[in-house]
Amino acid sequence: LALALLTLMIAGATFGSFPFMQRLLPGIRLDMFFWVAVVT
């Protein structure tokens, strides 16, 4: 589970910066800080 959450954090921070994700979820910054907080 720790390995899966680590993968989720890296993938989320990578795809969260793409324009289509910003259009899909406007007003939410899916950056590394967001995913680190979620995974923690």
PDB file of all heavy atoms in Angstrom:
ATOM      1  N   LEU A   1       0.827  -1.203   0.000  1.00  0.00           N
ATOM      2  CA  LEU A   1       0.000   0.000   0.000  1.00  0.00           C
ATOM      3  C   LEU A   1       0.862   1.255   0.000  1.00  0.00           C
ATOM      4  O   LEU A   1       0.551   2.240  -0.685  1.00  0.00           O
ATOM      5  CB  LEU A   1      -0.930   0.002   1.213  1.00  0.00           C
ATOM      6  CG  LEU A   1      -1.877   1.209   1.346  1.00  0.00           C
ATOM      7  CD1 LEU A   1      -2.762   1.338   0.117  1.00  0.00           C
ATOM      8  CD2 LEU A   1      -2.724   1.102   2.609  1.00  0.00           C
ATOM      9  N   ALA A   2       1.961   1.248   0.742  1.00  0.00           N
ATOM     10  CA  ALA A   2       2.873   2.393   0.739  1.00  0.00           C
ATOM     11  C   ALA A   2       3.461   2.611  -0.647  1.00  0.00           C
ATOM     12  O   ALA A   2       3.589   3.758  -1.109  1.00  0.00           O
ATOM     13  CB  ALA A   2       3.985   2.167   1.766  1.00  0.00           C
ATOM     14  N   LEU A   3       3.812   1.519  -1.343  1.00  0.00           N
ATOM     15  CA  LEU A   3       4.332   1.633  -2.708  1.00  0.00           C
ATOM     16  C   LEU A   3       3.272   2.188  -3.649  1.00  0.00           C
ATOM     17  O   LEU A   3       3.566   3.033  -4.515  1.00  0.00           O
ATOM     18  CB  LEU A   3       4.822   0.272  -3.187  1.00  0.00           C
ATOM     19  CG  LEU A   3       5.407   0.218  -4.610  1.00  0.00           C
ATOM     20  CD1 LEU A   3       6.616   1.137  -4.717  1.00  0.00           C
ATOM     21  CD2 LEU A   3       5.774  -1.218  -4.974  1.00  0.00           C
ATOM     22  N   ALA A   4       2.023   1.736  -3.481  1.00  0.00           N
ATOM     23  CA  ALA A   4       0.940   2.230  -4.331  1.00  0.00           C
ATOM     24  C   ALA A   4       0.675   3.712  -4.092  1.00  0.00           C
ATOM     25  O   ALA A   4       0.445   4.481  -5.037  1.00  0.00           O
ATOM     26  CB  ALA A   4      -0.334   1.419  -4.073  1.00  0.00           C
ATOM     27  N   LEU A   5       0.725   4.138  -2.835  1.00  0.00           N
ATOM     28  CA  LEU A   5       0.504   5.555  -2.533  1.00  0.00           C
ATOM     29  C   LEU A   5       1.643   6.415  -3.070  1.00  0.00           C
ATOM     30  O   LEU A   5       1.425   7.545  -3.525  1.00  0.00           O
ATOM     31  CB  LEU A   5       0.355   5.744  -1.023  1.00  0.00           C
ATOM     32  CG  LEU A   5      -0.928   5.162  -0.410  1.00  0.00           C
ATOM     33  CD1 LEU A   5      -0.911   5.328   1.114  1.00  0.00           C
ATOM     34  CD2 LEU A   5      -2.167   5.836  -0.994  1.00  0.00           C
ATOM     35  N   LEU A   6       2.858   5.887  -3.030  1.00  0.00           N
ATOM     36  CA  LEU A   6       3.990   6.619  -3.599  1.00  0.00           C
ATOM     37  C   LEU A   6       3.811   6.787  -5.104  1.00  0.00           C
ATOM     38  O   LEU A   6       4.052   7.877  -5.655  1.00  0.00           O
ATOM     39  CB  LEU A   6       5.294   5.875  -3.303  1.00  0.00           C
ATOM     40  CG  LEU A   6       6.567   6.468  -3.922  1.00  0.00           C
ATOM     41  CD1 LEU A   6       6.828   7.863  -3.389  1.00  0.00           C
ATOM     42  CD2 LEU A   6       7.765   5.548  -3.649  1.00  0.00           C
ATOM     43  N   THR A   7       3.362   5.727  -5.773  1.00  0.00           N
ATOM     44  CA  THR A   7       3.100   5.813  -7.210  1.00  0.00           C
ATOM     45  C   THR A   7       1.981   6.807  -7.500  1.00  0.00           C
ATOM     46  O   THR A   7       2.056   7.584  -8.460  1.00  0.00           O
ATOM     47  CB  THR A   7       2.732   4.423  -7.757  1.00  0.00           C
ATOM     48  OG1 THR A   7       3.762   3.491  -7.420  1.00  0.00           O
ATOM     49  CG2 THR A   7       2.557   4.461  -9.263  1.00  0.00           C
ATOM     50  N   LEU A   8       0.944   6.785  -6.653  1.00  0.00           N
ATOM     51  CA  LEU A   8      -0.158   7.728  -6.813  1.00  0.00           C
ATOM     52  C   LEU A   8       0.321   9.169  -6.676  1.00  0.00           C
ATOM     53  O   LEU A   8      -0.096  10.047  -7.448  1.00  0.00           O
ATOM     54  CB  LEU A   8      -1.240   7.431  -5.771  1.00  0.00           C
ATOM     55  CG  LEU A   8      -2.394   8.437  -5.686  1.00  0.00           C
ATOM     56  CD1 LEU A   8      -3.209   8.431  -6.974  1.00  0.00           C
ATOM     57  CD2 LEU A   8      -3.292   8.123  -4.493  1.00  0.00           C
ATOM     58  N   MET A   9       1.191   9.415  -5.724  1.00  0.00           N
ATOM     59  CA  MET A   9       1.682  10.771  -5.515  1.00  0.00           C
ATOM     60  C   MET A   9       2.477  11.272  -6.719  1.00  0.00           C
ATOM     61  O   MET A   9       2.274  12.399  -7.199  1.00  0.00           O
ATOM     62  CB  MET A   9       2.563  10.811  -4.258  1.00  0.00           C
ATOM     63  CG  MET A   9       3.138  12.168  -3.930  1.00  0.00           C
ATOM     64  SD  MET A   9       4.219  12.135  -2.480  1.00  0.00           S
ATOM     65  CE  MET A   9       5.587  11.127  -3.113  1.00  0.00           C
ATOM     66  N   ILE A  10       3.360  10.424  -7.240  1.00  0.00           N
ATOM     67  CA  ILE A  10       4.178  10.829  -8.387  1.00  0.00           C
ATOM     68  C   ILE A  10       3.313  11.026  -9.629  1.00  0.00           C
ATOM     69  O   ILE A  10       3.441  12.028 -10.352  1.00  0.00           O
ATOM     70  CB  ILE A  10       5.282   9.791  -8.643  1.00  0.00           C
ATOM     71  CG1 ILE A  10       6.221   9.715  -7.435  1.00  0.00           C
ATOM     72  CG2 ILE A  10       6.062  10.126  -9.905  1.00  0.00           C
ATOM     73  CD1 ILE A  10       7.257   8.617  -7.530  1.00  0.00           C
ATOM     74  N   ALA A  11       2.398  10.058  -9.874  1.00  0.00           N
ATOM     75  CA  ALA A  11       1.539  10.169 -11.059  1.00  0.00           C
ATOM     76  C   ALA A  11       0.593  11.359 -10.947  1.00  0.00           C
ATOM     77  O   ALA A  11       0.362  12.087 -11.916  1.00  0.00           O
ATOM     78  CB  ALA A  11       0.752   8.867 -11.237  1.00  0.00           C
ATOM     79  N   GLY A  12       0.032  11.566  -9.740  1.00  0.00           N
ATOM     80  CA  GLY A  12      -0.886  12.688  -9.564  1.00  0.00           C
ATOM     81  C   GLY A  12      -0.218  14.027  -9.766  1.00  0.00           C
ATOM     82  O   GLY A  12      -0.769  14.931 -10.399  1.00  0.00           O
ATOM     83  N   ALA A  13       1.003  14.173  -9.229  1.00  0.00           N
ATOM     84  CA  ALA A  13       1.730  15.441  -9.401  1.00  0.00           C
ATOM     85  C   ALA A  13       2.142  15.650 -10.852  1.00  0.00           C
ATOM     86  O   ALA A  13       2.185  16.785 -11.338  1.00  0.00           O
ATOM     87  CB  ALA A  13       2.957  15.463  -8.502  1.00  0.00           C
ATOM     88  N   THR A  14       2.408  14.537 -11.573  1.00  0.00           N
ATOM     89  CA  THR A  14       2.807  14.653 -12.982  1.00  0.00           C
ATOM     90  C   THR A  14       1.626  15.047 -13.861  1.00  0.00           C
ATOM     91  O   THR A  14       1.694  16.010 -14.640  1.00  0.00           O
ATOM     92  CB  THR A  14       3.414  13.335 -13.474  1.00  0.00           C
ATOM     93  OG1 THR A  14       4.532  12.992 -12.646  1.00  0.00           O
ATOM     94  CG2 THR A  14       3.861  13.462 -14.914  1.00  0.00           C
ATOM     95  N   PHE A  15       0.527  14.295 -13.750  1.00  0.00           N
ATOM     96  CA  PHE A  15      -0.636  14.574 -14.597  1.00  0.00           C
ATOM     97  C   PHE A  15      -1.416  15.788 -14.123  1.00  0.00           C
ATOM     98  O   PHE A  15      -2.170  16.385 -14.890  1.00  0.00           O
ATOM     99  CB  PHE A  15      -1.556  13.339 -14.631  1.00  0.00           C
ATOM    100  CG  PHE A  15      -0.975  12.180 -15.384  1.00  0.00           C
ATOM    101  CD1 PHE A  15      -0.407  11.112 -14.706  1.00  0.00           C
ATOM    102  CD2 PHE A  15      -0.977  12.150 -16.769  1.00  0.00           C
ATOM    103  CE1 PHE A  15       0.137  10.038 -15.390  1.00  0.00           C
ATOM    104  CE2 PHE A  15      -0.435  11.077 -17.468  1.00  0.00           C
ATOM    105  CZ  PHE A  15       0.124  10.017 -16.781  1.00  0.00           C
ATOM    106  N   GLY A  16      -1.254  16.156 -12.852  1.00  0.00           N
ATOM    107  CA  GLY A  16      -2.002  17.300 -12.338  1.00  0.00           C
ATOM    108  C   GLY A  16      -1.586  18.617 -12.945  1.00  0.00           C
ATOM    109  O   GLY A  16      -2.351  19.593 -12.918  1.00  0.00           O
ATOM    110  N   SER A  17      -0.378  18.667 -13.498  1.00  0.00           N
ATOM    111  CA  SER A  17       0.097  19.903 -14.120  1.00  0.00           C
ATOM    112  C   SER A  17      -0.295  20.020 -15.584  1.00  0.00           C
ATOM    113  O   SER A  17      -0.040  21.057 -16.203  1.00  0.00           O
ATOM    114  CB  SER A  17       1.628  19.988 -14.000  1.00  0.00           C
ATOM    115  OG  SER A  17       2.241  18.868 -14.635  1.00  0.00           O
ATOM    116  N   PHE A  18      -0.922  18.972 -16.142  1.00  0.00           N
ATOM    117  CA  PHE A  18      -1.323  19.023 -17.545  1.00  0.00           C
ATOM    118  C   PHE A  18      -2.528  19.950 -17.717  1.00  0.00           C
ATOM    119  O   PHE A  18      -3.386  20.052 -16.830  1.00  0.00           O
ATOM    120  CB  PHE A  18      -1.671  17.626 -18.052  1.00  0.00           C
ATOM    121  CG  PHE A  18      -0.477  16.727 -18.228  1.00  0.00           C
ATOM    122  CD1 PHE A  18      -0.629  15.389 -18.529  1.00  0.00           C
ATOM    123  CD2 PHE A  18       0.817  17.232 -18.103  1.00  0.00           C
ATOM    124  CE1 PHE A  18       0.462  14.565 -18.700  1.00  0.00           C
ATOM    125  CE2 PHE A  18       1.918  16.408 -18.264  1.00  0.00           C
ATOM    126  CZ  PHE A  18       1.749  15.079 -18.559  1.00  0.00           C
ATOM    127  N   PRO A  19      -2.644  20.609 -18.863  1.00  0.00           N
ATOM    128  CA  PRO A  19      -3.760  21.553 -19.073  1.00  0.00           C
ATOM    129  C   PRO A  19      -5.141  20.907 -18.989  1.00  0.00           C
ATOM    130  O   PRO A  19      -6.081  21.517 -18.473  1.00  0.00           O
ATOM    131  CB  PRO A  19      -3.484  22.100 -20.478  1.00  0.00           C
ATOM    132  CG  PRO A  19      -2.001  21.933 -20.673  1.00  0.00           C
ATOM    133  CD  PRO A  19      -1.657  20.662 -19.945  1.00  0.00           C
ATOM    134  N   PHE A  20      -5.270  19.664 -19.478  1.00  0.00           N
ATOM    135  CA  PHE A  20      -6.600  19.057 -19.454  1.00  0.00           C
ATOM    136  C   PHE A  20      -7.071  18.791 -18.028  1.00  0.00           C
ATOM    137  O   PHE A  20      -8.277  18.855 -17.740  1.00  0.00           O
ATOM    138  CB  PHE A  20      -6.604  17.762 -20.285  1.00  0.00           C
ATOM    139  CG  PHE A  20      -5.949  16.587 -19.615  1.00  0.00           C
ATOM    140  CD1 PHE A  20      -6.694  15.713 -18.828  1.00  0.00           C
ATOM    141  CD2 PHE A  20      -4.593  16.341 -19.773  1.00  0.00           C
ATOM    142  CE1 PHE A  20      -6.097  14.626 -18.215  1.00  0.00           C
ATOM    143  CE2 PHE A  20      -3.991  15.262 -19.159  1.00  0.00           C
ATOM    144  CZ  PHE A  20      -4.740  14.406 -18.377  1.00  0.00           C
ATOM    145  N   MET A  21      -6.153  18.513 -17.085  1.00  0.00           N
ATOM    146  CA  MET A  21      -6.539  18.333 -15.699  1.00  0.00           C
ATOM    147  C   MET A  21      -6.950  19.663 -15.069  1.00  0.00           C
ATOM    148  O   MET A  21      -7.877  19.714 -14.249  1.00  0.00           O
ATOM    149  CB  MET A  21      -5.379  17.718 -14.911  1.00  0.00           C
ATOM    150  CG  MET A  21      -5.090  16.274 -15.255  1.00  0.00           C
ATOM    151  SD  MET A  21      -6.466  15.173 -14.830  1.00  0.00           S
ATOM    152  CE  MET A  21      -6.511  15.342 -13.054  1.00  0.00           C
ATOM    153  N   GLN A  22      -6.281  20.738 -15.445  1.00  0.00           N
ATOM    154  CA  GLN A  22      -6.649  22.052 -14.920  1.00  0.00           C
ATOM    155  C   GLN A  22      -7.999  22.502 -15.449  1.00  0.00           C
ATOM    156  O   GLN A  22      -8.744  23.189 -14.753  1.00  0.00           O
ATOM    157  CB  GLN A  22      -5.557  23.066 -15.293  1.00  0.00           C
ATOM    158  CG  GLN A  22      -4.207  22.751 -14.658  1.00  0.00           C
ATOM    159  CD  GLN A  22      -3.127  23.717 -15.084  1.00  0.00           C
ATOM    160  OE1 GLN A  22      -3.378  24.633 -15.854  1.00  0.00           O
ATOM    161  NE2 GLN A  22      -1.908  23.505 -14.586  1.00  0.00           N
ATOM    162  N   ARG A  23      -8.315  22.087 -16.689  1.00  0.00           N
ATOM    163  CA  ARG A  23      -9.653  22.399 -17.217  1.00  0.00           C
ATOM    164  C   ARG A  23     -10.713  21.513 -16.577  1.00  0.00           C
ATOM    165  O   ARG A  23     -11.868  21.940 -16.387  1.00  0.00           O
ATOM    166  CB  ARG A  23      -9.663  22.223 -18.728  1.00  0.00           C
ATOM    167  CG  ARG A  23      -8.854  23.269 -19.490  1.00  0.00           C
ATOM    168  CD  ARG A  23      -9.171  23.226 -20.974  1.00  0.00           C
ATOM    169  NE  ARG A  23      -8.831  21.919 -21.543  1.00  0.00           N
ATOM    170  CZ  ARG A  23      -7.666  21.640 -22.116  1.00  0.00           C
ATOM    171  NH1 ARG A  23      -6.715  22.589 -22.181  1.00  0.00           N
ATOM    172  NH2 ARG A  23      -7.435  20.446 -22.614  1.00  0.00           N
ATOM    173  N   LEU A  24     -10.340  20.271 -16.247  1.00  0.00           N
ATOM    174  CA  LEU A  24     -11.298  19.343 -15.645  1.00  0.00           C
ATOM    175  C   LEU A  24     -11.639  19.741 -14.224  1.00  0.00           C
ATOM    176  O   LEU A  24     -12.798  19.633 -13.789  1.00  0.00           O
ATOM    177  CB  LEU A  24     -10.723  17.916 -15.678  1.00  0.00           C
ATOM    178  CG  LEU A  24     -11.616  16.797 -15.129  1.00  0.00           C
ATOM    179  CD1 LEU A  24     -12.884  16.677 -15.970  1.00  0.00           C
ATOM    180  CD2 LEU A  24     -10.852  15.476 -15.114  1.00  0.00           C
ATOM    181  N   LEU A  25     -10.636  20.216 -13.473  1.00  0.00           N
ATOM    182  CA  LEU A  25     -10.829  20.624 -12.079  1.00  0.00           C
ATOM    183  C   LEU A  25     -10.325  22.054 -11.907  1.00  0.00           C
ATOM    184  O   LEU A  25      -9.231  22.285 -11.371  1.00  0.00           O
ATOM    185  CB  LEU A  25     -10.092  19.676 -11.130  1.00  0.00           C
ATOM    186  CG  LEU A  25     -10.546  18.217 -11.137  1.00  0.00           C
ATOM    187  CD1 LEU A  25      -9.597  17.366 -10.300  1.00  0.00           C
ATOM    188  CD2 LEU A  25     -11.965  18.092 -10.598  1.00  0.00           C
ATOM    189  N   PRO A  26     -11.090  23.025 -12.368  1.00  0.00           N
ATOM    190  CA  PRO A  26     -10.627  24.417 -12.251  1.00  0.00           C
ATOM    191  C   PRO A  26     -10.636  24.874 -10.792  1.00  0.00           C
ATOM    192  O   PRO A  26     -11.488  24.495 -10.000  1.00  0.00           O
ATOM    193  CB  PRO A  26     -11.659  25.202 -13.084  1.00  0.00           C
ATOM    194  CG  PRO A  26     -12.884  24.347 -13.047  1.00  0.00           C
ATOM    195  CD  PRO A  26     -12.406  22.921 -13.011  1.00  0.00           C
ATOM    196  N   GLY A  27      -9.660  25.692 -10.461  1.00  0.00           N
ATOM    197  CA  GLY A  27      -9.573  26.223  -9.107  1.00  0.00           C
ATOM    198  C   GLY A  27      -8.844  25.332  -8.131  1.00  0.00           C
ATOM    199  O   GLY A  27      -8.663  25.715  -6.973  1.00  0.00           O
ATOM    200  N   ILE A  28      -8.430  24.137  -8.564  1.00  0.00           N
ATOM    201  CA  ILE A  28      -7.704  23.201  -7.684  1.00  0.00           C
ATOM    202  C   ILE A  28      -6.307  22.987  -8.255  1.00  0.00           C
ATOM    203  O   ILE A  28      -6.159  22.583  -9.409  1.00  0.00           O
ATOM    204  CB  ILE A  28      -8.437  21.847  -7.564  1.00  0.00           C
ATOM    205  CG1 ILE A  28      -9.847  22.053  -7.001  1.00  0.00           C
ATOM    206  CG2 ILE A  28      -7.647  20.894  -6.668  1.00  0.00           C
ATOM    207  CD1 ILE A  28     -10.637  20.762  -6.896  1.00  0.00           C
ATOM    208  N   ARG A  29      -5.293  23.259  -7.435  1.00  0.00           N
ATOM    209  CA  ARG A  29      -3.912  23.064  -7.858  1.00  0.00           C
ATOM    210  C   ARG A  29      -3.456  21.660  -7.478  1.00  0.00           C
ATOM    211  O   ARG A  29      -3.184  21.387  -6.304  1.00  0.00           O
ATOM    212  CB  ARG A  29      -3.012  24.115  -7.222  1.00  0.00           C
ATOM    213  CG  ARG A  29      -3.306  25.542  -7.665  1.00  0.00           C
ATOM    214  CD  ARG A  29      -2.324  26.512  -7.048  1.00  0.00           C
ATOM    215  NE  ARG A  29      -0.948  26.161  -7.399  1.00  0.00           N
ATOM    216  CZ  ARG A  29       0.120  26.799  -6.922  1.00  0.00           C
ATOM    217  NH1 ARG A  29      -0.035  27.797  -6.051  1.00  0.00           N
ATOM    218  NH2 ARG A  29       1.339  26.443  -7.293  1.00  0.00           N
ATOM    219  N   LEU A  30      -3.397  20.795  -8.463  1.00  0.00           N
ATOM    220  CA  LEU A  30      -2.987  19.412  -8.215  1.00  0.00           C
ATOM    221  C   LEU A  30      -1.469  19.301  -8.324  1.00  0.00           C
ATOM    222  O   LEU A  30      -0.932  18.518  -9.111  1.00  0.00           O
ATOM    223  CB  LEU A  30      -3.684  18.480  -9.206  1.00  0.00           C
ATOM    224  CG  LEU A  30      -5.217  18.502  -9.180  1.00  0.00           C
ATOM    225  CD1 LEU A  30      -5.782  17.588 -10.252  1.00  0.00           C
ATOM    226  CD2 LEU A  30      -5.724  18.075  -7.806  1.00  0.00           C
ATOM    227  N   ASP A  31      -0.762  20.068  -7.503  1.00  0.00           N
ATOM    228  CA  ASP A  31       0.689  20.057  -7.542  1.00  0.00           C
ATOM    229  C   ASP A  31       1.241  19.036  -6.558  1.00  0.00           C
ATOM    230  O   ASP A  31       0.492  18.284  -5.923  1.00  0.00           O
ATOM    231  CB  ASP A  31       1.246  21.454  -7.238  1.00  0.00           C
ATOM    232  CG  ASP A  31       0.688  22.021  -5.939  1.00  0.00           C
ATOM    233  OD1 ASP A  31      -0.037  21.297  -5.232  1.00  0.00           O
ATOM    234  OD2 ASP A  31       0.985  23.184  -5.623  1.00  0.00           O
ATOM    235  N   MET A  32       2.564  19.012  -6.409  1.00  0.00           N
ATOM    236  CA  MET A  32       3.205  18.037  -5.533  1.00  0.00           C
ATOM    237  C   MET A  32       2.782  18.224  -4.085  1.00  0.00           C
ATOM    238  O   MET A  32       2.584  17.244  -3.353  1.00  0.00           O
ATOM    239  CB  MET A  32       4.730  18.143  -5.666  1.00  0.00           C
ATOM    240  CG  MET A  32       5.502  17.182  -4.775  1.00  0.00           C
ATOM    241  SD  MET A  32       5.149  15.439  -5.116  1.00  0.00           S
ATOM    242  CE  MET A  32       6.047  15.213  -6.656  1.00  0.00           C
ATOM    243  N   PHE A  33       2.641  19.468  -3.638  1.00  0.00           N
ATOM    244  CA  PHE A  33       2.234  19.709  -2.257  1.00  0.00           C
ATOM    245  C   PHE A  33       0.862  19.098  -1.976  1.00  0.00           C
ATOM    246  O   PHE A  33       0.639  18.504  -0.906  1.00  0.00           O
ATOM    247  CB  PHE A  33       2.206  21.218  -1.979  1.00  0.00           C
ATOM    248  CG  PHE A  33       1.733  21.571  -0.595  1.00  0.00           C
ATOM    249  CD1 PHE A  33       2.593  21.483   0.491  1.00  0.00           C
ATOM    250  CD2 PHE A  33       0.422  21.972  -0.370  1.00  0.00           C
ATOM    251  CE1 PHE A  33       2.160  21.792   1.760  1.00  0.00           C
ATOM    252  CE2 PHE A  33      -0.015  22.279   0.904  1.00  0.00           C
ATOM    253  CZ  PHE A  33       0.855  22.185   1.970  1.00  0.00           C
ATOM    254  N   PHE A  34      -0.072  19.233  -2.923  1.00  0.00           N
ATOM    255  CA  PHE A  34      -1.418  18.674  -2.745  1.00  0.00           C
ATOM    256  C   PHE A  34      -1.353  17.163  -2.576  1.00  0.00           C
ATOM    257  O   PHE A  34      -1.965  16.602  -1.655  1.00  0.00           O
ATOM    258  CB  PHE A  34      -2.283  19.049  -3.957  1.00  0.00           C
ATOM    259  CG  PHE A  34      -3.634  18.386  -3.968  1.00  0.00           C
ATOM    260  CD1 PHE A  34      -4.690  18.932  -3.249  1.00  0.00           C
ATOM    261  CD2 PHE A  34      -3.845  17.224  -4.690  1.00  0.00           C
ATOM    262  CE1 PHE A  34      -5.939  18.318  -3.261  1.00  0.00           C
ATOM    263  CE2 PHE A  34      -5.081  16.609  -4.702  1.00  0.00           C
ATOM    264  CZ  PHE A  34      -6.136  17.160  -3.983  1.00  0.00           C
ATOM    265  N   TRP A  35      -0.598  16.495  -3.449  1.00  0.00           N
ATOM    266  CA  TRP A  35      -0.565  15.035  -3.403  1.00  0.00           C
ATOM    267  C   TRP A  35       0.234  14.522  -2.213  1.00  0.00           C
ATOM    268  O   TRP A  35      -0.076  13.458  -1.662  1.00  0.00           O
ATOM    269  CB  TRP A  35      -0.003  14.488  -4.711  1.00  0.00           C
ATOM    270  CG  TRP A  35      -0.966  14.656  -5.843  1.00  0.00           C
ATOM    271  CD1 TRP A  35      -0.910  15.557  -6.860  1.00  0.00           C
ATOM    272  CD2 TRP A  35      -2.168  13.897  -6.050  1.00  0.00           C
ATOM    273  NE1 TRP A  35      -1.991  15.434  -7.688  1.00  0.00           N
ATOM    274  CE2 TRP A  35      -2.782  14.411  -7.211  1.00  0.00           C
ATOM    275  CE3 TRP A  35      -2.782  12.859  -5.380  1.00  0.00           C
ATOM    276  CZ2 TRP A  35      -3.975  13.898  -7.712  1.00  0.00           C
ATOM    277  CZ3 TRP A  35      -3.973  12.344  -5.863  1.00  0.00           C
ATOM    278  CH2 TRP A  35      -4.562  12.862  -7.018  1.00  0.00           C
ATOM    279  N   VAL A  36       1.258  15.251  -1.790  1.00  0.00           N
ATOM    280  CA  VAL A  36       1.983  14.859  -0.582  1.00  0.00           C
ATOM    281  C   VAL A  36       1.071  14.916   0.633  1.00  0.00           C
ATOM    282  O   VAL A  36       1.078  14.019   1.492  1.00  0.00           O
ATOM    283  CB  VAL A  36       3.211  15.770  -0.381  1.00  0.00           C
ATOM    284  CG1 VAL A  36       3.791  15.589   1.019  1.00  0.00           C
ATOM    285  CG2 VAL A  36       4.280  15.457  -1.418  1.00  0.00           C
ATOM    286  N   ALA A  37       0.233  15.968   0.709  1.00  0.00           N
ATOM    287  CA  ALA A  37      -0.705  16.085   1.825  1.00  0.00           C
ATOM    288  C   ALA A  37      -1.725  14.953   1.798  1.00  0.00           C
ATOM    289  O   ALA A  37      -2.045  14.358   2.835  1.00  0.00           O
ATOM    290  CB  ALA A  37      -1.401  17.446   1.776  1.00  0.00           C
ATOM    291  N   VAL A  38      -2.241  14.632   0.598  1.00  0.00           N
ATOM    292  CA  VAL A  38      -3.233  13.552   0.478  1.00  0.00           C
ATOM    293  C   VAL A  38      -2.631  12.215   0.883  1.00  0.00           C
ATOM    294  O   VAL A  38      -3.222  11.442   1.661  1.00  0.00           O
ATOM    295  CB  VAL A  38      -3.785  13.496  -0.961  1.00  0.00           C
ATOM    296  CG1 VAL A  38      -4.631  12.240  -1.160  1.00  0.00           C
ATOM    297  CG2 VAL A  38      -4.613  14.735  -1.268  1.00  0.00           C
ATOM    298  N   VAL A  39      -1.449  11.913   0.368  1.00  0.00           N
ATOM    299  CA  VAL A  39      -0.807  10.632   0.658  1.00  0.00           C
ATOM    300  C   VAL A  39      -0.430  10.532   2.131  1.00  0.00           C
ATOM    301  O   VAL A  39      -0.561   9.467   2.751  1.00  0.00           O
ATOM    302  CB  VAL A  39       0.428  10.452  -0.244  1.00  0.00           C
ATOM    303  CG1 VAL A  39       1.260   9.261   0.211  1.00  0.00           C
ATOM    304  CG2 VAL A  39       0.001  10.265  -1.688  1.00  0.00           C
ATOM    305  N   THR A  40       0.001  11.633   2.735  1.00  0.00           N
ATOM    306  CA  THR A  40       0.344  11.611   4.159  1.00  0.00           C
ATOM    307  C   THR A  40      -0.864  11.292   5.013  1.00  0.00           C
ATOM    308  O   THR A  40      -0.787  10.480   5.958  1.00  0.00           O
ATOM    309  CB  THR A  40       0.940  12.966   4.578  1.00  0.00           C
ATOM    310  OG1 THR A  40       2.096  13.244   3.784  1.00  0.00           O
ATOM    311  CG2 THR A  40       1.333  12.956   6.047  1.00  0.00           C
TER     312      THR A  40
END
